[in-house]
PDB file of N, CA and C in Angstrom:
ATOM      1  N   UNK A   1      72.139 153.316   7.275  1.00  0.00           N
ATOM      2  CA  UNK A   1      72.852 152.579   6.258  1.00  0.00           C
ATOM      3  C   UNK A   1      73.079 153.511   5.076  1.00  0.00           C
ATOM      4  N   UNK A   2      74.239 153.417   4.521  1.00  0.00           N
ATOM      5  CA  UNK A   2      74.616 154.193   3.346  1.00  0.00           C
ATOM      6  C   UNK A   2      74.733 153.195   2.190  1.00  0.00           C
ATOM      7  N   UNK A   3      73.905 153.348   1.139  1.00  0.00           N
ATOM      8  CA  UNK A   3      73.864 152.335   0.095  1.00  0.00           C
ATOM      9  C   UNK A   3      73.384 152.905  -1.238  1.00  0.00           C
ATOM     10  N   UNK A   4      73.575 152.109  -2.293  1.00  0.00           N
ATOM     11  CA  UNK A   4      73.015 152.369  -3.620  1.00  0.00           C
ATOM     12  C   UNK A   4      72.453 151.046  -4.115  1.00  0.00           C
ATOM     13  N   UNK A   5      71.215 151.067  -4.629  1.00  0.00           N
ATOM     14  CA  UNK A   5      70.610 149.837  -5.123  1.00  0.00           C
ATOM     15  C   UNK A   5      69.483 150.168  -6.084  1.00  0.00           C
ATOM     16  N   UNK A   6      69.376 149.392  -7.135  1.00  0.00           N
ATOM     17  CA  UNK A   6      68.287 149.551  -8.086  1.00  0.00           C
ATOM     18  C   UNK A   6      67.031 148.816  -7.662  1.00  0.00           C
ATOM     19  N   UNK A   7      67.125 148.027  -6.614  1.00  0.00           N
ATOM     20  CA  UNK A   7      65.982 147.268  -6.087  1.00  0.00           C
ATOM     21  C   UNK A   7      65.916 147.458  -4.576  1.00  0.00           C
ATOM     22  N   UNK A   8      64.773 147.089  -3.994  1.00  0.00           N
ATOM     23  CA  UNK A   8      64.643 147.164  -2.538  1.00  0.00           C
ATOM     24  C   UNK A   8      65.662 146.229  -1.887  1.00  0.00           C
ATOM     25  N   UNK A   9      66.135 146.621  -0.714  1.00  0.00           N
ATOM     26  CA  UNK A   9      67.144 145.861   0.022  1.00  0.00           C
ATOM     27  C   UNK A   9      66.548 145.424   1.349  1.00  0.00           C
ATOM     28  N   UNK A  10      66.799 144.193   1.734  1.00  0.00           N
ATOM     29  CA  UNK A  10      66.337 143.689   3.034  1.00  0.00           C
ATOM     30  C   UNK A  10      67.551 143.536   3.938  1.00  0.00           C
ATOM     31  N   UNK A  11      67.457 144.091   5.128  1.00  0.00           N
ATOM     32  CA  UNK A  11      68.525 143.995   6.127  1.00  0.00           C
ATOM     33  C   UNK A  11      67.959 143.222   7.307  1.00  0.00           C
ATOM     34  N   UNK A  12      68.680 142.191   7.736  1.00  0.00           N
ATOM     35  CA  UNK A  12      68.159 141.401   8.852  1.00  0.00           C
ATOM     36  C   UNK A  12      69.261 141.021   9.825  1.00  0.00           C
ATOM     37  N   UNK A  13      68.854 140.883  11.060  1.00  0.00           N
ATOM     38  CA  UNK A  13      69.701 140.334  12.110  1.00  0.00           C
ATOM     39  C   UNK A  13      69.252 138.880  12.205  1.00  0.00           C
ATOM     40  N   UNK A  14      70.103 137.925  11.865  1.00  0.00           N
ATOM     41  CA  UNK A  14      69.674 136.535  11.732  1.00  0.00           C
ATOM     42  C   UNK A  14      68.805 136.038  12.884  1.00  0.00           C
ATOM     43  N   UNK A  15      67.609 135.561  12.521  1.00  0.00           N
ATOM     44  CA  UNK A  15      66.698 134.981  13.489  1.00  0.00           C
ATOM     45  C   UNK A  15      65.969 135.966  14.372  1.00  0.00           C
ATOM     46  N   UNK A  16      66.158 137.274  14.156  1.00  0.00           N
ATOM     47  CA  UNK A  16      65.550 138.227  15.087  1.00  0.00           C
ATOM     48  C   UNK A  16      64.596 139.180  14.385  1.00  0.00           C
ATOM     49  N   UNK A  17      65.106 140.019  13.500  1.00  0.00           N
ATOM     50  CA  UNK A  17      64.300 141.105  12.953  1.00  0.00           C
ATOM     51  C   UNK A  17      64.729 141.397  11.519  1.00  0.00           C
ATOM     52  N   UNK A  18      63.837 141.989  10.728  1.00  0.00           N
ATOM     53  CA  UNK A  18      64.135 142.287   9.340  1.00  0.00           C
ATOM     54  C   UNK A  18      63.569 143.654   8.971  1.00  0.00           C
ATOM     55  N   UNK A  19      64.323 144.411   8.163  1.00  0.00           N
ATOM     56  CA  UNK A  19      63.899 145.739   7.722  1.00  0.00           C
ATOM     57  C   UNK A  19      64.036 145.821   6.219  1.00  0.00           C
ATOM     58  N   UNK A  20      63.190 146.633   5.574  1.00  0.00           N
ATOM     59  CA  UNK A  20      63.301 146.848   4.133  1.00  0.00           C
ATOM     60  C   UNK A  20      63.675 148.287   3.876  1.00  0.00           C
ATOM     61  N   UNK A  21      64.591 148.472   2.930  1.00  0.00           N
ATOM     62  CA  UNK A  21      64.981 149.799   2.484  1.00  0.00           C
ATOM     63  C   UNK A  21      64.638 149.893   1.000  1.00  0.00           C
ATOM     64  N   UNK A  22      64.073 150.998   0.543  1.00  0.00           N
ATOM     65  CA  UNK A  22      63.672 151.106  -0.860  1.00  0.00           C
ATOM     66  C   UNK A  22      64.877 151.229  -1.793  1.00  0.00           C
ATOM     67  N   UNK A  23      64.635 151.030  -3.068  1.00  0.00           N
ATOM     68  CA  UNK A  23      65.675 151.247  -4.070  1.00  0.00           C
ATOM     69  C   UNK A  23      66.152 152.695  -3.965  1.00  0.00           C
ATOM     70  N   UNK A  24      67.441 152.918  -4.168  1.00  0.00           N
ATOM     71  CA  UNK A  24      68.012 154.268  -4.083  1.00  0.00           C
ATOM     72  C   UNK A  24      69.184 154.337  -5.054  1.00  0.00           C
ATOM     73  N   UNK A  25      69.079 155.215  -6.063  1.00  0.00           N
ATOM     74  CA  UNK A  25      70.103 155.276  -7.108  1.00  0.00           C
ATOM     75  C   UNK A  25      70.824 156.615  -7.191  1.00  0.00           C
ATOM     76  N   UNK A  26      70.645 157.500  -6.228  1.00  0.00           N
ATOM     77  CA  UNK A  26      71.266 158.824  -6.304  1.00  0.00           C
ATOM     78  C   UNK A  26      72.740 158.839  -5.956  1.00  0.00           C
ATOM     79  N   UNK A  27      73.338 157.713  -5.686  1.00  0.00           N
ATOM     80  CA  UNK A  27      74.762 157.665  -5.344  1.00  0.00           C
ATOM     81  C   UNK A  27      74.973 157.610  -3.850  1.00  0.00           C
ATOM     82  N   UNK A  28      76.168 157.167  -3.470  1.00  0.00           N
ATOM     83  CA  UNK A  28      76.499 157.086  -2.049  1.00  0.00           C
ATOM     84  C   UNK A  28      76.481 158.493  -1.474  1.00  0.00           C
ATOM     85  N   UNK A  29      75.774 158.684  -0.416  1.00  0.00           N
ATOM     86  CA  UNK A  29      75.671 160.012   0.179  1.00  0.00           C
ATOM     87  C   UNK A  29      75.104 159.940   1.570  1.00  0.00           C
ATOM     88  N   UNK A  30      73.772 160.190   1.705  1.00  0.00           N
ATOM     89  CA  UNK A  30      73.195 160.251   3.048  1.00  0.00           C
ATOM     90  C   UNK A  30      73.083 158.893   3.712  1.00  0.00           C
ATOM     91  N   UNK A  31      72.967 158.915   5.022  1.00  0.00           N
ATOM     92  CA  UNK A  31      72.672 157.701   5.792  1.00  0.00           C
ATOM     93  C   UNK A  31      71.158 157.629   5.968  1.00  0.00           C
ATOM     94  N   UNK A  32      70.590 156.440   5.798  1.00  0.00           N
ATOM     95  CA  UNK A  32      69.165 156.229   5.980  1.00  0.00           C
ATOM     96  C   UNK A  32      68.928 155.375   7.213  1.00  0.00           C
ATOM     97  N   UNK A  33      67.959 155.765   8.037  1.00  0.00           N
ATOM     98  CA  UNK A  33      67.585 154.959   9.206  1.00  0.00           C
ATOM     99  C   UNK A  33      66.818 153.751   8.695  1.00  0.00           C
ATOM    100  N   UNK A  34      67.227 152.562   9.104  1.00  0.00           N
ATOM    101  CA  UNK A  34      66.573 151.353   8.615  1.00  0.00           C
ATOM    102  C   UNK A  34      65.904 150.558   9.723  1.00  0.00           C
ATOM    103  N   UNK A  35      66.165 150.849  10.973  1.00  0.00           N
ATOM    104  CA  UNK A  35      65.509 150.127  12.061  1.00  0.00           C
ATOM    105  C   UNK A  35      66.382 150.025  13.289  1.00  0.00           C
ATOM    106  N   UNK A  36      65.906 149.253  14.269  1.00  0.00           N
ATOM    107  CA  UNK A  36      66.614 149.088  15.535  1.00  0.00           C
ATOM    108  C   UNK A  36      66.964 147.624  15.753  1.00  0.00           C
ATOM    109  N   UNK A  37      68.165 147.399  16.252  1.00  0.00           N
ATOM    110  CA  UNK A  37      68.587 146.057  16.652  1.00  0.00           C
ATOM    111  C   UNK A  37      69.110 146.131  18.080  1.00  0.00           C
ATOM    112  N   UNK A  38      69.049 145.021  18.771  1.00  0.00           N
ATOM    113  CA  UNK A  38      69.544 144.964  20.144  1.00  0.00           C
ATOM    114  C   UNK A  38      70.962 144.409  20.137  1.00  0.00           C
ATOM    115  N   UNK A  39      71.824 145.005  20.958  1.00  0.00           N
ATOM    116  CA  UNK A  39      73.205 144.542  21.057  1.00  0.00           C
ATOM    117  C   UNK A  39      73.671 144.723  22.489  1.00  0.00           C
ATOM    118  N   UNK A  40      74.578 143.861  22.914  1.00  0.00           N
ATOM    119  CA  UNK A  40      75.165 143.987  24.247  1.00  0.00           C
ATOM    120  C   UNK A  40      76.556 144.596  24.169  1.00  0.00           C
ATOM    121  N   UNK A  41      76.827 145.282  23.062  1.00  0.00           N
ATOM    122  CA  UNK A  41      78.104 145.968  22.906  1.00  0.00           C
ATOM    123  C   UNK A  41      79.115 145.203  22.078  1.00  0.00           C
ATOM    124  N   UNK A  42      78.839 143.983  21.732  1.00  0.00           N
ATOM    125  CA  UNK A  42      79.757 143.193  20.925  1.00  0.00           C
ATOM    126  C   UNK A  42      79.354 143.233  19.458  1.00  0.00           C
ATOM    127  N   UNK A  43      80.051 142.483  18.635  1.00  0.00           N
ATOM    128  CA  UNK A  43      79.694 142.429  17.216  1.00  0.00           C
ATOM    129  C   UNK A  43      78.270 141.904  17.026  1.00  0.00           C
ATOM    130  N   UNK A  44      77.543 142.508  16.106  1.00  0.00           N
ATOM    131  CA  UNK A  44      76.187 142.102  15.782  1.00  0.00           C
ATOM    132  C   UNK A  44      76.121 141.827  14.289  1.00  0.00           C
ATOM    133  N   UNK A  45      76.006 140.567  13.890  1.00  0.00           N
ATOM    134  CA  UNK A  45      75.974 140.264  12.457  1.00  0.00           C
ATOM    135  C   UNK A  45      74.676 140.736  11.805  1.00  0.00           C
ATOM    136  N   UNK A  46      74.794 141.348  10.647  1.00  0.00           N
ATOM    137  CA  UNK A  46      73.639 141.761   9.860  1.00  0.00           C
ATOM    138  C   UNK A  46      73.780 141.171   8.464  1.00  0.00           C
ATOM    139  N   UNK A  47      72.667 140.793   7.865  1.00  0.00           N
ATOM    140  CA  UNK A  47      72.661 140.254   6.515  1.00  0.00           C
ATOM    141  C   UNK A  47      71.920 141.243   5.625  1.00  0.00           C
ATOM    142  N   UNK A  48      72.546 141.626   4.492  1.00  0.00           N
ATOM    143  CA  UNK A  48      71.934 142.534   3.528  1.00  0.00           C
ATOM    144  C   UNK A  48      71.650 141.723   2.271  1.00  0.00           C
ATOM    145  N   UNK A  49      70.397 141.765   1.808  1.00  0.00           N
ATOM    146  CA  UNK A  49      69.995 140.952   0.663  1.00  0.00           C
ATOM    147  C   UNK A  49      69.227 141.809  -0.340  1.00  0.00           C
ATOM    148  N   UNK A  50      69.666 141.794  -1.594  1.00  0.00           N
ATOM    149  CA  UNK A  50      68.962 142.474  -2.680  1.00  0.00           C
ATOM    150  C   UNK A  50      68.503 141.407  -3.658  1.00  0.00           C
ATOM    151  N   UNK A  51      67.215 141.340  -3.927  1.00  0.00           N
ATOM    152  CA  UNK A  51      66.667 140.325  -4.825  1.00  0.00           C
ATOM    153  C   UNK A  51      66.426 140.901  -6.212  1.00  0.00           C
ATOM    154  N   UNK A  52      66.572 140.062  -7.215  1.00  0.00           N
ATOM    155  CA  UNK A  52      66.208 140.479  -8.564  1.00  0.00           C
ATOM    156  C   UNK A  52      64.730 140.835  -8.555  1.00  0.00           C
ATOM    157  N   UNK A  53      64.337 141.887  -9.291  1.00  0.00           N
ATOM    158  CA  UNK A  53      62.938 142.303  -9.276  1.00  0.00           C
ATOM    159  C   UNK A  53      61.980 141.233  -9.803  1.00  0.00           C
ATOM    160  N   UNK A  54      62.468 140.375 -10.692  1.00  0.00           N
ATOM    161  CA  UNK A  54      61.626 139.337 -11.271  1.00  0.00           C
ATOM    162  C   UNK A  54      62.509 138.210 -11.776  1.00  0.00           C
ATOM    163  N   UNK A  55      61.965 137.009 -11.844  1.00  0.00           N
ATOM    164  CA  UNK A  55      62.747 135.904 -12.394  1.00  0.00           C
ATOM    165  C   UNK A  55      62.983 136.115 -13.888  1.00  0.00           C
ATOM    166  N   UNK A  56      62.252 137.039 -14.507  1.00  0.00           N
ATOM    167  CA  UNK A  56      62.446 137.359 -15.917  1.00  0.00           C
ATOM    168  C   UNK A  56      63.582 138.349 -16.144  1.00  0.00           C
ATOM    169  N   UNK A  57      64.041 139.002 -15.088  1.00  0.00           N
ATOM    170  CA  UNK A  57      65.141 139.967 -15.210  1.00  0.00           C
ATOM    171  C   UNK A  57      66.434 139.214 -15.499  1.00  0.00           C
ATOM    172  N   UNK A  58      67.106 139.544 -16.617  1.00  0.00           N
ATOM    173  CA  UNK A  58      68.355 138.838 -16.916  1.00  0.00           C
ATOM    174  C   UNK A  58      69.433 139.173 -15.879  1.00  0.00           C
ATOM    175  N   UNK A  59      70.271 138.203 -15.594  1.00  0.00           N
ATOM    176  CA  UNK A  59      71.327 138.394 -14.595  1.00  0.00           C
ATOM    177  C   UNK A  59      72.221 139.574 -14.954  1.00  0.00           C
ATOM    178  N   UNK A  60      72.478 139.799 -16.247  1.00  0.00           N
ATOM    179  CA  UNK A  60      73.349 140.897 -16.670  1.00  0.00           C
ATOM    180  C   UNK A  60      72.741 142.263 -16.356  1.00  0.00           C
ATOM    181  N   UNK A  61      71.408 142.333 -16.244  1.00  0.00           N
ATOM    182  CA  UNK A  61      70.739 143.609 -15.964  1.00  0.00           C
ATOM    183  C   UNK A  61      70.640 143.893 -14.474  1.00  0.00           C
ATOM    184  N   UNK A  62      70.862 142.879 -13.650  1.00  0.00           N
ATOM    185  CA  UNK A  62      70.731 143.033 -12.210  1.00  0.00           C
ATOM    186  C   UNK A  62      72.103 143.266 -11.598  1.00  0.00           C
ATOM    187  N   UNK A  63      72.322 144.456 -11.067  1.00  0.00           N
ATOM    188  CA  UNK A  63      73.624 144.807 -10.510  1.00  0.00           C
ATOM    189  C   UNK A  63      73.684 144.634  -8.997  1.00  0.00           C
ATOM    190  N   UNK A  64      72.558 144.332  -8.368  1.00  0.00           N
ATOM    191  CA  UNK A  64      72.563 144.144  -6.922  1.00  0.00           C
ATOM    192  C   UNK A  64      72.631 145.462  -6.177  1.00  0.00           C
ATOM    193  N   UNK A  65      73.201 145.425  -4.997  1.00  0.00           N
ATOM    194  CA  UNK A  65      73.282 146.601  -4.136  1.00  0.00           C
ATOM    195  C   UNK A  65      74.718 146.820  -3.688  1.00  0.00           C
ATOM    196  N   UNK A  66      75.055 148.072  -3.466  1.00  0.00           N
ATOM    197  CA  UNK A  66      76.364 148.420  -2.914  1.00  0.00           C
ATOM    198  C   UNK A  66      76.134 149.087  -1.567  1.00  0.00           C
ATOM    199  N   UNK A  67      76.588 148.442  -0.518  1.00  0.00           N
ATOM    200  CA  UNK A  67      76.457 149.001   0.831  1.00  0.00           C
ATOM    201  C   UNK A  67      77.807 149.588   1.211  1.00  0.00           C
ATOM    202  N   UNK A  68      77.815 150.881   1.458  1.00  0.00           N
ATOM    203  CA  UNK A  68      79.051 151.563   1.824  1.00  0.00           C
ATOM    204  C   UNK A  68      79.326 151.457   3.313  1.00  0.00           C
ATOM    205  N   UNK A  69      78.282 151.644   4.132  1.00  0.00           N
ATOM    206  CA  UNK A  69      78.486 151.616   5.584  1.00  0.00           C
ATOM    207  C   UNK A  69      77.168 151.364   6.302  1.00  0.00           C
ATOM    208  N   UNK A  70      77.269 150.693   7.427  1.00  0.00           N
ATOM    209  CA  UNK A  70      76.146 150.549   8.360  1.00  0.00           C
ATOM    210  C   UNK A  70      76.670 151.022   9.710  1.00  0.00           C
ATOM    211  N   UNK A  71      75.974 151.951  10.312  1.00  0.00           N
ATOM    212  CA  UNK A  71      76.406 152.491  11.601  1.00  0.00           C
ATOM    213  C   UNK A  71      75.288 152.330  12.628  1.00  0.00           C
ATOM    214  N   UNK A  72      75.645 152.394  13.876  1.00  0.00           N
ATOM    215  CA  UNK A  72      74.665 152.266  14.953  1.00  0.00           C
ATOM    216  C   UNK A  72      74.807 153.431  15.916  1.00  0.00           C
ATOM    217  N   UNK A  73      73.687 153.830  16.462  1.00  0.00           N
ATOM    218  CA  UNK A  73      73.642 154.876  17.486  1.00  0.00           C
ATOM    219  C   UNK A  73      73.009 154.300  18.736  1.00  0.00           C
ATOM    220  N   UNK A  74      73.458 154.795  19.868  1.00  0.00           N
ATOM    221  CA  UNK A  74      72.875 154.371  21.145  1.00  0.00           C
ATOM    222  C   UNK A  74      71.477 154.971  21.290  1.00  0.00           C
ATOM    223  N   UNK A  75      70.564 154.171  21.836  1.00  0.00           N
ATOM    224  CA  UNK A  75      69.208 154.652  22.067  1.00  0.00           C
ATOM    225  C   UNK A  75      68.943 154.559  23.555  1.00  0.00           C
ATOM    226  N   UNK A  76      68.441 155.562  24.221  1.00  0.00           N
ATOM    227  CA  UNK A  76      68.031 156.821  23.641  1.00  0.00           C
ATOM    228  C   UNK A  76      69.236 157.681  23.264  1.00  0.00           C
ATOM    229  N   UNK A  77      68.987 158.610  22.350  1.00  0.00           N
ATOM    230  CA  UNK A  77      70.031 159.517  21.889  1.00  0.00           C
ATOM    231  C   UNK A  77      70.427 160.415  23.058  1.00  0.00           C
ATOM    232  N   UNK A  78      71.674 160.355  23.478  1.00  0.00           N
ATOM    233  CA  UNK A  78      72.117 161.109  24.652  1.00  0.00           C
ATOM    234  C   UNK A  78      72.920 162.359  24.283  1.00  0.00           C
ATOM    235  N   UNK A  79      72.875 162.742  22.991  1.00  0.00           N
ATOM    236  CA  UNK A  79      73.608 163.946  22.592  1.00  0.00           C
ATOM    237  C   UNK A  79      72.957 165.189  23.178  1.00  0.00           C
ATOM    238  N   UNK A  80      73.758 166.224  23.402  1.00  0.00           N
ATOM    239  CA  UNK A  80      73.237 167.489  23.907  1.00  0.00           C
ATOM    240  C   UNK A  80      73.775 168.628  23.061  1.00  0.00           C
ATOM    241  N   UNK A  81      73.018 169.703  22.997  1.00  0.00           N
ATOM    242  CA  UNK A  81      73.442 170.907  22.286  1.00  0.00           C
ATOM    243  C   UNK A  81      73.971 171.875  23.328  1.00  0.00           C
ATOM    244  N   UNK A  82      75.194 172.378  23.105  1.00  0.00           N
ATOM    245  CA  UNK A  82      75.789 173.319  24.036  1.00  0.00           C
ATOM    246  C   UNK A  82      76.703 174.264  23.273  1.00  0.00           C
ATOM    247  N   UNK A  83      77.070 175.385  23.872  1.00  0.00           N
ATOM    248  CA  UNK A  83      77.972 176.319  23.197  1.00  0.00           C
ATOM    249  C   UNK A  83      79.298 175.624  22.861  1.00  0.00           C
ATOM    250  N   UNK A  84      79.851 175.914  21.693  1.00  0.00           N
ATOM    251  CA  UNK A  84      81.068 175.261  21.236  1.00  0.00           C
ATOM    252  C   UNK A  84      82.221 175.429  22.229  1.00  0.00           C
ATOM    253  N   UNK A  85      82.312 176.566  22.887  1.00  0.00           N
ATOM    254  CA  UNK A  85      83.402 176.798  23.844  1.00  0.00           C
ATOM    255  C   UNK A  85      83.350 175.823  25.025  1.00  0.00           C
ATOM    256  N   UNK A  86      82.169 175.219  25.280  1.00  0.00           N
ATOM    257  CA  UNK A  86      82.038 174.260  26.368  1.00  0.00           C
ATOM    258  C   UNK A  86      82.278 172.819  25.910  1.00  0.00           C
ATOM    259  N   UNK A  87      82.619 172.634  24.621  1.00  0.00           N
ATOM    260  CA  UNK A  87      82.817 171.282  24.084  1.00  0.00           C
ATOM    261  C   UNK A  87      84.284 170.857  24.123  1.00  0.00           C
ATOM    262  N   UNK A  88      85.130 171.630  24.755  1.00  0.00           N
ATOM    263  CA  UNK A  88      86.557 171.311  24.811  1.00  0.00           C
ATOM    264  C   UNK A  88      86.773 169.922  25.420  1.00  0.00           C
ATOM    265  N   UNK A  89      87.487 169.060  24.688  1.00  0.00           N
ATOM    266  CA  UNK A  89      87.780 167.719  25.174  1.00  0.00           C
ATOM    267  C   UNK A  89      86.655 166.727  24.973  1.00  0.00           C
ATOM    268  N   UNK A  90      85.565 167.129  24.313  1.00  0.00           N
ATOM    269  CA  UNK A  90      84.430 166.233  24.073  1.00  0.00           C
ATOM    270  C   UNK A  90      84.269 165.993  22.584  1.00  0.00           C
ATOM    271  N   UNK A  91      83.600 164.913  22.209  1.00  0.00           N
ATOM    272  CA  UNK A  91      83.302 164.633  20.813  1.00  0.00           C
ATOM    273  C   UNK A  91      82.272 165.633  20.310  1.00  0.00           C
ATOM    274  N   UNK A  92      82.518 166.223  19.138  1.00  0.00           N
ATOM    275  CA  UNK A  92      81.593 167.182  18.542  1.00  0.00           C
ATOM    276  C   UNK A  92      81.032 166.569  17.263  1.00  0.00           C
ATOM    277  N   UNK A  93      79.728 166.362  17.227  1.00  0.00           N
ATOM    278  CA  UNK A  93      79.051 165.768  16.081  1.00  0.00           C
ATOM    279  C   UNK A  93      78.838 166.811  14.985  1.00  0.00           C
ATOM    280  N   UNK A  94      78.426 168.011  15.335  1.00  0.00           N
ATOM    281  CA  UNK A  94      78.232 169.114  14.382  1.00  0.00           C
ATOM    282  C   UNK A  94      78.253 170.417  15.161  1.00  0.00           C
ATOM    283  N   UNK A  95      78.431 171.506  14.436  1.00  0.00           N
ATOM    284  CA  UNK A  95      78.369 172.826  15.061  1.00  0.00           C
ATOM    285  C   UNK A  95      77.856 173.845  14.049  1.00  0.00           C
ATOM    286  N   UNK A  96      77.359 174.960  14.548  1.00  0.00           N
ATOM    287  CA  UNK A  96      76.819 176.005  13.716  1.00  0.00           C
ATOM    288  C   UNK A  96      77.449 177.333  14.138  1.00  0.00           C
ATOM    289  N   UNK A  97      77.884 178.127  13.176  1.00  0.00           N
ATOM    290  CA  UNK A  97      78.435 179.438  13.500  1.00  0.00           C
ATOM    291  C   UNK A  97      77.346 180.484  13.307  1.00  0.00           C
ATOM    292  N   UNK A  98      77.470 181.571  14.050  1.00  0.00           N
ATOM    293  CA  UNK A  98      76.524 182.668  13.906  1.00  0.00           C
ATOM    294  C   UNK A  98      77.301 183.907  13.489  1.00  0.00           C
ATOM    295  N   UNK A  99      76.659 184.728  12.696  1.00  0.00           N
ATOM    296  CA  UNK A  99      77.330 185.974  12.284  1.00  0.00           C
ATOM    297  C   UNK A  99      76.992 187.067  13.295  1.00  0.00           C
ATOM    298  N   UNK A 100      77.958 187.947  13.546  1.00  0.00           N
ATOM    299  CA  UNK A 100      77.701 189.006  14.516  1.00  0.00           C
ATOM    300  C   UNK A 100      77.533 190.325  13.828  1.00  0.00           C
TER     301      UNK A 100
END
């Protein structure tokens, strides 16, 4: 999940499982692993909830959370590392160049 929040965020799959992500204010950037959900390949609804830190916190001071993206990866991870010249016609997640 890619997010910004001044408070902890709870992510849940309704009726199944719940995960907590800590407050993060460094700006939208890295993706954080938040947990595993089961899916049969179709849409999987997720609920993201950010609570005010205290009932004493004024509403004007609570900005909530901004979720930029939630992505899923297949488990087990089936990616392989191979020479770039052998990746022709395949999806390339990342690559590294070497100096000669």
